[in-house]
């Protein structure tokens, strides 16, 4: 027969573990959705620029800034600016995706640390209760008569 009821500590540990597992599953799903959203956004951005490229080039042709035997600094600079904007937009989007994934990873790390801390607190409370019961039994032993 146990003098100390440890079931509240077991329940608290199970509750903390179940909450951590549910939160982890939610964050894993959020990470998956974020990755999918990022992939869709990147595909959309690439398609947008692929569609715009012929229009940009033809706009210079309409102004006779490109063609056989024509070397135009305006055309070259315009294409360079277009490519730079494309690169910069893709880079900014990739950075946004990475930031979102890092945020989710940080939340997971913090959640794990909180869960481990909660389990350590529960274990400490359990050990304190056991020590308190042992001390009470030591004090009561002379009264019981050996």
C-alpha atoms as a PDB file:
ATOM      1  CA  UNK A   1       0.000   0.000   0.000  1.00  0.00           C
ATOM      2  CA  UNK A   2       1.383   3.356  -1.030  1.00  0.00           C
ATOM      3  CA  UNK A   3       1.226   6.219   1.424  1.00  0.00           C
ATOM      4  CA  UNK A   4       1.672   8.750  -1.351  1.00  0.00           C
ATOM      5  CA  UNK A   5      -0.820   9.072  -4.202  1.00  0.00           C
ATOM      6  CA  UNK A   6       1.343   9.697  -7.270  1.00  0.00           C
ATOM      7  CA  UNK A   7      -1.510   9.608  -9.778  1.00  0.00           C
ATOM      8  CA  UNK A   8      -1.870  13.432  -9.944  1.00  0.00           C
ATOM      9  CA  UNK A   9       1.770  13.649 -11.032  1.00  0.00           C
ATOM     10  CA  UNK A  10       1.291  10.933 -13.643  1.00  0.00           C
ATOM     11  CA  UNK A  11      -1.808  12.715 -14.956  1.00  0.00           C
ATOM     12  CA  UNK A  12       0.032  16.057 -15.048  1.00  0.00           C
ATOM     13  CA  UNK A  13       2.941  14.437 -16.901  1.00  0.00           C
ATOM     14  CA  UNK A  14       0.593  12.769 -19.394  1.00  0.00           C
ATOM     15  CA  UNK A  15      -1.321  16.027 -19.905  1.00  0.00           C
ATOM     16  CA  UNK A  16       1.892  17.962 -20.531  1.00  0.00           C
ATOM     17  CA  UNK A  17       3.137  15.294 -22.948  1.00  0.00           C
ATOM     18  CA  UNK A  18      -0.166  15.154 -24.826  1.00  0.00           C
ATOM     19  CA  UNK A  19      -0.253  18.958 -25.124  1.00  0.00           C
ATOM     20  CA  UNK A  20       3.324  19.008 -26.404  1.00  0.00           C
ATOM     21  CA  UNK A  21       2.527  16.263 -28.943  1.00  0.00           C
ATOM     22  CA  UNK A  22      -0.591  18.087 -30.170  1.00  0.00           C
ATOM     23  CA  UNK A  23       1.269  21.400 -30.420  1.00  0.00           C
ATOM     24  CA  UNK A  24       4.134  19.695 -32.270  1.00  0.00           C
ATOM     25  CA  UNK A  25       1.741  18.115 -34.754  1.00  0.00           C
ATOM     26  CA  UNK A  26       0.051  21.472 -35.304  1.00  0.00           C
ATOM     27  CA  UNK A  27       3.396  23.184 -35.903  1.00  0.00           C
ATOM     28  CA  UNK A  28       4.544  20.415 -38.270  1.00  0.00           C
ATOM     29  CA  UNK A  29       1.364  20.898 -40.297  1.00  0.00           C
ATOM     30  CA  UNK A  30       1.819  24.688 -40.252  1.00  0.00           C
ATOM     31  CA  UNK A  31       5.395  24.182 -41.482  1.00  0.00           C
ATOM     32  CA  UNK A  32       4.179  21.943 -44.305  1.00  0.00           C
ATOM     33  CA  UNK A  33       1.560  24.508 -45.314  1.00  0.00           C
ATOM     34  CA  UNK A  34       4.144  27.280 -45.177  1.00  0.00           C
ATOM     35  CA  UNK A  35       6.482  25.301 -47.433  1.00  0.00           C
ATOM     36  CA  UNK A  36       3.659  24.595 -49.883  1.00  0.00           C
ATOM     37  CA  UNK A  37       2.596  28.244 -49.881  1.00  0.00           C
ATOM     38  CA  UNK A  38       6.204  29.295 -50.453  1.00  0.00           C
ATOM     39  CA  UNK A  39       6.570  26.872 -53.360  1.00  0.00           C
ATOM     40  CA  UNK A  40       3.331  28.144 -54.920  1.00  0.00           C
ATOM     41  CA  UNK A  41       4.397  31.762 -54.463  1.00  0.00           C
ATOM     42  CA  UNK A  42       7.835  31.085 -55.975  1.00  0.00           C
ATOM     43  CA  UNK A  43       6.276  29.247 -58.941  1.00  0.00           C
ATOM     44  CA  UNK A  44       3.850  32.121 -59.445  1.00  0.00           C
ATOM     45  CA  UNK A  45       6.659  34.675 -59.312  1.00  0.00           C
ATOM     46  CA  UNK A  46       8.720  32.746 -61.863  1.00  0.00           C
ATOM     47  CA  UNK A  47       5.691  32.443 -64.159  1.00  0.00           C
ATOM     48  CA  UNK A  48       5.004  36.171 -63.808  1.00  0.00           C
ATOM     49  CA  UNK A  49       8.533  37.036 -64.895  1.00  0.00           C
ATOM     50  CA  UNK A  50       8.577  34.397 -67.653  1.00  0.00           C
ATOM     51  CA  UNK A  51       5.381  35.924 -69.018  1.00  0.00           C
ATOM     52  CA  UNK A  52       6.716  39.475 -68.736  1.00  0.00           C
ATOM     53  CA  UNK A  53      10.087  38.807 -70.381  1.00  0.00           C
ATOM     54  CA  UNK A  54       8.819  38.768 -74.008  1.00  0.00           C
ATOM     55  CA  UNK A  55       6.812  41.962 -73.384  1.00  0.00           C
ATOM     56  CA  UNK A  56       9.837  43.741 -71.945  1.00  0.00           C
ATOM     57  CA  UNK A  57      12.033  42.702 -74.860  1.00  0.00           C
ATOM     58  CA  UNK A  58       9.406  43.613 -77.460  1.00  0.00           C
ATOM     59  CA  UNK A  59       8.884  47.026 -75.862  1.00  0.00           C
ATOM     60  CA  UNK A  60      12.510  47.844 -76.692  1.00  0.00           C
ATOM     61  CA  UNK A  61      12.044  46.482 -80.220  1.00  0.00           C
ATOM     62  CA  UNK A  62       9.031  48.748 -80.747  1.00  0.00           C
ATOM     63  CA  UNK A  63      11.274  51.703 -79.955  1.00  0.00           C
ATOM     64  CA  UNK A  64      13.979  50.382 -82.311  1.00  0.00           C
ATOM     65  CA  UNK A  65      16.411  49.893 -79.439  1.00  0.00           C
ATOM     66  CA  UNK A  66      17.061  46.244 -80.242  1.00  0.00           C
ATOM     67  CA  UNK A  67      17.455  44.296 -83.442  1.00  0.00           C
ATOM     68  CA  UNK A  68      20.025  43.156 -85.989  1.00  0.00           C
ATOM     69  CA  UNK A  69      22.998  45.480 -85.994  1.00  0.00           C
ATOM     70  CA  UNK A  70      21.656  47.619 -83.146  1.00  0.00           C
ATOM     71  CA  UNK A  71      23.612  47.833 -79.917  1.00  0.00           C
ATOM     72  CA  UNK A  72      21.732  49.861 -77.343  1.00  0.00           C
ATOM     73  CA  UNK A  73      22.917  50.723 -73.868  1.00  0.00           C
ATOM     74  CA  UNK A  74      19.317  51.542 -72.938  1.00  0.00           C
ATOM     75  CA  UNK A  75      18.234  48.028 -73.923  1.00  0.00           C
ATOM     76  CA  UNK A  76      21.122  46.408 -72.042  1.00  0.00           C
ATOM     77  CA  UNK A  77      20.506  48.528 -68.943  1.00  0.00           C
ATOM     78  CA  UNK A  78      16.762  47.825 -69.121  1.00  0.00           C
ATOM     79  CA  UNK A  79      17.298  44.072 -69.308  1.00  0.00           C
ATOM     80  CA  UNK A  80      19.806  44.297 -66.486  1.00  0.00           C
ATOM     81  CA  UNK A  81      17.295  46.198 -64.336  1.00  0.00           C
ATOM     82  CA  UNK A  82      14.585  43.682 -65.222  1.00  0.00           C
ATOM     83  CA  UNK A  83      16.845  40.760 -64.277  1.00  0.00           C
ATOM     84  CA  UNK A  84      17.950  42.519 -61.084  1.00  0.00           C
ATOM     85  CA  UNK A  85      14.322  43.118 -60.076  1.00  0.00           C
ATOM     86  CA  UNK A  86      13.480  39.481 -60.822  1.00  0.00           C
ATOM     87  CA  UNK A  87      16.415  38.296 -58.712  1.00  0.00           C
ATOM     88  CA  UNK A  88      15.605  40.722 -55.916  1.00  0.00           C
ATOM     89  CA  UNK A  89      11.918  39.717 -55.837  1.00  0.00           C
ATOM     90  CA  UNK A  90      12.810  36.009 -55.793  1.00  0.00           C
ATOM     91  CA  UNK A  91      15.405  36.612 -53.088  1.00  0.00           C
ATOM     92  CA  UNK A  92      12.935  38.598 -50.946  1.00  0.00           C
ATOM     93  CA  UNK A  93      10.314  35.877 -51.338  1.00  0.00           C
ATOM     94  CA  UNK A  94      12.815  33.152 -50.420  1.00  0.00           C
ATOM     95  CA  UNK A  95      13.875  35.176 -47.382  1.00  0.00           C
ATOM     96  CA  UNK A  96      10.232  35.548 -46.310  1.00  0.00           C
ATOM     97  CA  UNK A  97       9.741  31.779 -46.664  1.00  0.00           C
ATOM     98  CA  UNK A  98      12.925  31.073 -44.690  1.00  0.00           C
ATOM     99  CA  UNK A  99      11.897  33.540 -41.963  1.00  0.00           C
ATOM    100  CA  UNK A 100       8.509  31.851 -41.601  1.00  0.00           C
ATOM    101  CA  UNK A 101      10.082  28.392 -41.386  1.00  0.00           C
ATOM    102  CA  UNK A 102      12.670  29.618 -38.867  1.00  0.00           C
ATOM    103  CA  UNK A 103       9.875  31.149 -36.782  1.00  0.00           C
ATOM    104  CA  UNK A 104       8.051  27.810 -36.738  1.00  0.00           C
ATOM    105  CA  UNK A 105      11.282  25.968 -35.864  1.00  0.00           C
ATOM    106  CA  UNK A 106      11.942  28.419 -33.026  1.00  0.00           C
ATOM    107  CA  UNK A 107       8.407  27.919 -31.710  1.00  0.00           C
ATOM    108  CA  UNK A 108       8.979  24.150 -31.769  1.00  0.00           C
ATOM    109  CA  UNK A 109      12.269  24.523 -29.900  1.00  0.00           C
ATOM    110  CA  UNK A 110      10.648  26.780 -27.301  1.00  0.00           C
ATOM    111  CA  UNK A 111       7.724  24.396 -26.941  1.00  0.00           C
ATOM    112  CA  UNK A 112      10.098  21.481 -26.382  1.00  0.00           C
ATOM    113  CA  UNK A 113      12.029  23.449 -23.759  1.00  0.00           C
ATOM    114  CA  UNK A 114       8.761  24.403 -22.010  1.00  0.00           C
ATOM    115  CA  UNK A 115       7.602  20.780 -22.068  1.00  0.00           C
ATOM    116  CA  UNK A 116      10.904  19.535 -20.626  1.00  0.00           C
ATOM    117  CA  UNK A 117      10.778  22.245 -17.970  1.00  0.00           C
ATOM    118  CA  UNK A 118       7.183  21.289 -17.101  1.00  0.00           C
ATOM    119  CA  UNK A 119       8.152  17.619 -16.787  1.00  0.00           C
ATOM    120  CA  UNK A 120      11.086  18.565 -14.541  1.00  0.00           C
ATOM    121  CA  UNK A 121       8.751  20.695 -12.378  1.00  0.00           C
ATOM    122  CA  UNK A 122       6.272  17.818 -12.073  1.00  0.00           C
ATOM    123  CA  UNK A 123       9.060  15.417 -11.133  1.00  0.00           C
ATOM    124  CA  UNK A 124      10.389  17.895  -8.552  1.00  0.00           C
ATOM    125  CA  UNK A 125       6.898  18.293  -7.033  1.00  0.00           C
ATOM    126  CA  UNK A 126       6.540  14.508  -6.917  1.00  0.00           C
ATOM    127  CA  UNK A 127       9.929  14.091  -5.211  1.00  0.00           C
ATOM    128  CA  UNK A 128       9.055  16.866  -2.742  1.00  0.00           C
ATOM    129  CA  UNK A 129       5.776  15.103  -1.882  1.00  0.00           C
ATOM    130  CA  UNK A 130       7.613  11.815  -1.353  1.00  0.00           C
ATOM    131  CA  UNK A 131      10.223  13.539   0.848  1.00  0.00           C
ATOM    132  CA  UNK A 132       7.483  15.299   2.821  1.00  0.00           C
ATOM    133  CA  UNK A 133       5.665  11.997   3.401  1.00  0.00           C
ATOM    134  CA  UNK A 134       8.926  10.319   4.456  1.00  0.00           C
ATOM    135  CA  UNK A 135       9.637  13.137   6.918  1.00  0.00           C
ATOM    136  CA  UNK A 136       6.115  12.835   8.373  1.00  0.00           C
ATOM    137  CA  UNK A 137       6.615   9.091   8.789  1.00  0.00           C
ATOM    138  CA  UNK A 138       9.964   9.623  10.540  1.00  0.00           C
ATOM    139  CA  UNK A 139       8.307  12.095  12.921  1.00  0.00           C
ATOM    140  CA  UNK A 140       5.397   9.693  13.534  1.00  0.00           C
ATOM    141  CA  UNK A 141       7.598   6.606  14.083  1.00  0.00           C
ATOM    142  CA  UNK A 142       8.269   7.289  17.802  1.00  0.00           C
ATOM    143  CA  UNK A 143       4.558   7.707  18.376  1.00  0.00           C
ATOM    144  CA  UNK A 144       3.761   4.333  16.792  1.00  0.00           C
ATOM    145  CA  UNK A 145       6.120   2.428  18.984  1.00  0.00           C
ATOM    146  CA  UNK A 146       8.632   0.193  17.305  1.00  0.00           C
END
